PDB file of N, CA and C in Angstrom:
ATOM      1  N   MET A   1      22.871  40.662  47.519  1.00  0.00           N
ATOM      2  CA  MET A   1      22.004  39.755  48.235  1.00  0.00           C
ATOM      3  C   MET A   1      20.857  39.365  47.309  1.00  0.00           C
ATOM      4  N   LEU A   2      20.570  38.082  47.213  1.00  0.00           N
ATOM      5  CA  LEU A   2      19.444  37.611  46.410  1.00  0.00           C
ATOM      6  C   LEU A   2      18.149  37.805  47.171  1.00  0.00           C
ATOM      7  N   ARG A   3      17.138  38.274  46.471  1.00  0.00           N
ATOM      8  CA  ARG A   3      15.803  38.436  47.054  1.00  0.00           C
ATOM      9  C   ARG A   3      14.784  37.883  46.079  1.00  0.00           C
ATOM     10  N   THR A   4      13.661  37.436  46.610  1.00  0.00           N
ATOM     11  CA  THR A   4      12.569  36.909  45.797  1.00  0.00           C
ATOM     12  C   THR A   4      11.363  37.817  45.957  1.00  0.00           C
ATOM     13  N   ILE A   5      10.719  38.135  44.840  1.00  0.00           N
ATOM     14  CA  ILE A   5       9.520  38.973  44.865  1.00  0.00           C
ATOM     15  C   ILE A   5       8.401  38.268  44.108  1.00  0.00           C
ATOM     16  N   THR A   6       7.184  38.696  44.368  1.00  0.00           N
ATOM     17  CA  THR A   6       6.055  38.235  43.574  1.00  0.00           C
ATOM     18  C   THR A   6       5.608  39.389  42.691  1.00  0.00           C
ATOM     19  N   VAL A   7       5.380  39.058  41.427  1.00  0.00           N
ATOM     20  CA  VAL A   7       4.909  40.024  40.447  1.00  0.00           C
ATOM     21  C   VAL A   7       3.562  39.501  39.968  1.00  0.00           C
ATOM     22  N   GLY A   8       2.500  40.200  40.270  1.00  0.00           N
ATOM     23  CA  GLY A   8       1.173  39.693  39.944  1.00  0.00           C
ATOM     24  C   GLY A   8       0.748  38.677  40.982  1.00  0.00           C
ATOM     25  N   SER A   9      -0.135  37.761  40.598  1.00  0.00           N
ATOM     26  CA  SER A   9      -0.676  36.814  41.575  1.00  0.00           C
ATOM     27  C   SER A   9       0.096  35.515  41.663  1.00  0.00           C
ATOM     28  N   CYS A  10       0.844  35.146  40.610  1.00  0.00           N
ATOM     29  CA  CYS A  10       1.493  33.833  40.656  1.00  0.00           C
ATOM     30  C   CYS A  10       2.872  33.783  40.002  1.00  0.00           C
ATOM     31  N   VAL A  11       3.478  34.910  39.730  1.00  0.00           N
ATOM     32  CA  VAL A  11       4.804  34.935  39.112  1.00  0.00           C
ATOM     33  C   VAL A  11       5.815  35.405  40.155  1.00  0.00           C
ATOM     34  N   SER A  12       6.873  34.620  40.347  1.00  0.00           N
ATOM     35  CA  SER A  12       7.951  34.976  41.277  1.00  0.00           C
ATOM     36  C   SER A  12       9.224  35.246  40.481  1.00  0.00           C
ATOM     37  N   VAL A  13      10.005  36.216  40.972  1.00  0.00           N
ATOM     38  CA  VAL A  13      11.276  36.576  40.345  1.00  0.00           C
ATOM     39  C   VAL A  13      12.324  36.612  41.441  1.00  0.00           C
ATOM     40  N   GLN A  14      13.496  36.028  41.168  1.00  0.00           N
ATOM     41  CA  GLN A  14      14.595  36.071  42.125  1.00  0.00           C
ATOM     42  C   GLN A  14      15.775  36.761  41.462  1.00  0.00           C
ATOM     43  N   GLY A  15      16.335  37.754  42.162  1.00  0.00           N
ATOM     44  CA  GLY A  15      17.458  38.482  41.607  1.00  0.00           C
ATOM     45  C   GLY A  15      18.187  39.269  42.683  1.00  0.00           C
ATOM     46  N   SER A  16      19.142  40.063  42.247  1.00  0.00           N
ATOM     47  CA  SER A  16      19.949  40.875  43.160  1.00  0.00           C
ATOM     48  C   SER A  16      19.141  42.080  43.640  1.00  0.00           C
ATOM     49  N   PHE A  17      19.178  42.315  44.948  1.00  0.00           N
ATOM     50  CA  PHE A  17      18.452  43.435  45.542  1.00  0.00           C
ATOM     51  C   PHE A  17      19.029  44.751  45.035  1.00  0.00           C
ATOM     52  N   GLU A  18      18.147  45.647  44.562  1.00  0.00           N
ATOM     53  CA  GLU A  18      18.565  46.958  44.061  1.00  0.00           C
ATOM     54  C   GLU A  18      18.067  48.099  44.937  1.00  0.00           C
ATOM     55  N   GLY A  19      16.898  47.944  45.558  1.00  0.00           N
ATOM     56  CA  GLY A  19      16.381  49.027  46.392  1.00  0.00           C
ATOM     57  C   GLY A  19      14.958  48.757  46.835  1.00  0.00           C
ATOM     58  N   GLN A  20      14.467  49.665  47.684  1.00  0.00           N
ATOM     59  CA  GLN A  20      13.112  49.547  48.207  1.00  0.00           C
ATOM     60  C   GLN A  20      12.328  50.793  47.834  1.00  0.00           C
ATOM     61  N   LEU A  21      11.068  50.599  47.458  1.00  0.00           N
ATOM     62  CA  LEU A  21      10.195  51.700  47.094  1.00  0.00           C
ATOM     63  C   LEU A  21       9.397  52.157  48.317  1.00  0.00           C
ATOM     64  N   ASP A  22       8.831  53.363  48.236  1.00  0.00           N
ATOM     65  CA  ASP A  22       8.084  53.934  49.358  1.00  0.00           C
ATOM     66  C   ASP A  22       6.847  53.129  49.745  1.00  0.00           C
ATOM     67  N   ASP A  23       6.271  52.387  48.792  1.00  0.00           N
ATOM     68  CA  ASP A  23       5.042  51.632  49.069  1.00  0.00           C
ATOM     69  C   ASP A  23       5.307  50.221  49.600  1.00  0.00           C
ATOM     70  N   GLY A  24       6.578  49.890  49.890  1.00  0.00           N
ATOM     71  CA  GLY A  24       6.903  48.583  50.464  1.00  0.00           C
ATOM     72  C   GLY A  24       7.400  47.564  49.458  1.00  0.00           C
ATOM     73  N   ARG A  25       7.239  47.851  48.172  1.00  0.00           N
ATOM     74  CA  ARG A  25       7.760  46.936  47.155  1.00  0.00           C
ATOM     75  C   ARG A  25       9.267  47.097  47.067  1.00  0.00           C
ATOM     76  N   ILE A  26       9.943  46.067  46.524  1.00  0.00           N
ATOM     77  CA  ILE A  26      11.386  46.156  46.332  1.00  0.00           C
ATOM     78  C   ILE A  26      11.710  45.945  44.859  1.00  0.00           C
ATOM     79  N   VAL A  27      12.927  46.326  44.480  1.00  0.00           N
ATOM     80  CA  VAL A  27      13.394  46.212  43.103  1.00  0.00           C
ATOM     81  C   VAL A  27      14.542  45.212  43.080  1.00  0.00           C
ATOM     82  N   VAL A  28      14.477  44.243  42.148  1.00  0.00           N
ATOM     83  CA  VAL A  28      15.554  43.278  41.969  1.00  0.00           C
ATOM     84  C   VAL A  28      16.036  43.334  40.526  1.00  0.00           C
ATOM     85  N   ARG A  29      17.309  42.983  40.330  1.00  0.00           N
ATOM     86  CA  ARG A  29      17.911  42.970  38.996  1.00  0.00           C
ATOM     87  C   ARG A  29      18.167  41.532  38.575  1.00  0.00           C
ATOM     88  N   VAL A  30      17.736  41.207  37.356  1.00  0.00           N
ATOM     89  CA  VAL A  30      18.025  39.922  36.730  1.00  0.00           C
ATOM     90  C   VAL A  30      18.667  40.244  35.388  1.00  0.00           C
ATOM     91  N   GLY A  31      19.977  40.061  35.305  1.00  0.00           N
ATOM     92  CA  GLY A  31      20.695  40.447  34.084  1.00  0.00           C
ATOM     93  C   GLY A  31      20.629  41.953  33.917  1.00  0.00           C
ATOM     94  N   ASN A  32      20.093  42.406  32.786  1.00  0.00           N
ATOM     95  CA  ASN A  32      19.946  43.840  32.524  1.00  0.00           C
ATOM     96  C   ASN A  32      18.562  44.370  32.863  1.00  0.00           C
ATOM     97  N   SER A  33      17.672  43.499  33.336  1.00  0.00           N
ATOM     98  CA  SER A  33      16.291  43.881  33.608  1.00  0.00           C
ATOM     99  C   SER A  33      16.060  44.157  35.088  1.00  0.00           C
ATOM    100  N   LEU A  34      15.201  45.136  35.378  1.00  0.00           N
ATOM    101  CA  LEU A  34      14.787  45.441  36.739  1.00  0.00           C
ATOM    102  C   LEU A  34      13.324  45.055  36.904  1.00  0.00           C
ATOM    103  N   TYR A  35      13.007  44.421  38.028  1.00  0.00           N
ATOM    104  CA  TYR A  35      11.634  44.026  38.340  1.00  0.00           C
ATOM    105  C   TYR A  35      11.275  44.585  39.700  1.00  0.00           C
ATOM    106  N   GLN A  36      10.012  44.986  39.858  1.00  0.00           N
ATOM    107  CA  GLN A  36       9.558  45.447  41.155  1.00  0.00           C
ATOM    108  C   GLN A  36       8.318  44.681  41.568  1.00  0.00           C
ATOM    109  N   GLY A  37       8.263  44.352  42.863  1.00  0.00           N
ATOM    110  CA  GLY A  37       7.135  43.586  43.354  1.00  0.00           C
ATOM    111  C   GLY A  37       7.192  43.458  44.862  1.00  0.00           C
ATOM    112  N   LYS A  38       6.272  42.691  45.405  1.00  0.00           N
ATOM    113  CA  LYS A  38       6.198  42.493  46.850  1.00  0.00           C
ATOM    114  C   LYS A  38       7.229  41.445  47.291  1.00  0.00           C
ATOM    115  N   PRO A  39       7.981  41.724  48.347  1.00  0.00           N
ATOM    116  CA  PRO A  39       8.965  40.734  48.801  1.00  0.00           C
ATOM    117  C   PRO A  39       8.301  39.486  49.370  1.00  0.00           C
ATOM    118  N   VAL A  40       8.924  38.336  49.125  1.00  0.00           N
ATOM    119  CA  VAL A  40       8.467  37.083  49.702  1.00  0.00           C
ATOM    120  C   VAL A  40       9.108  36.968  51.088  1.00  0.00           C
ATOM    121  N   MET A  41       8.289  36.791  52.110  1.00  0.00           N
ATOM    122  CA  MET A  41       8.796  36.721  53.470  1.00  0.00           C
ATOM    123  C   MET A  41       9.436  35.367  53.737  1.00  0.00           C
ATOM    124  N   GLN A  42      10.516  35.390  54.511  1.00  0.00           N
ATOM    125  CA  GLN A  42      11.227  34.172  54.878  1.00  0.00           C
ATOM    126  C   GLN A  42      10.440  33.421  55.941  1.00  0.00           C
ATOM    127  N   LYS A  43      10.304  32.117  55.775  1.00  0.00           N
ATOM    128  CA  LYS A  43       9.624  31.313  56.775  1.00  0.00           C
ATOM    129  C   LYS A  43      10.632  30.805  57.787  1.00  0.00           C
ATOM    130  N   THR A  44      10.234  30.788  59.055  1.00  0.00           N
ATOM    131  CA  THR A  44      11.114  30.266  60.106  1.00  0.00           C
ATOM    132  C   THR A  44      10.678  28.859  60.470  1.00  0.00           C
ATOM    133  N   ALA A  45      11.632  28.039  60.827  1.00  0.00           N
ATOM    134  CA  ALA A  45      11.328  26.637  61.142  1.00  0.00           C
ATOM    135  C   ALA A  45      10.837  26.497  62.563  1.00  0.00           C
TER     136      ALA A  45
END
């Protein structure tokens, strides 16, 4: 499943969901790299 996270104040990363951390951040994989950050919430119409 693709997920989008924010890393820092203005950088977004989209990748495959790898897991969730205890503090609410999630981990996504882009190629061979892992990134962790706050998930971007889905907006409803």
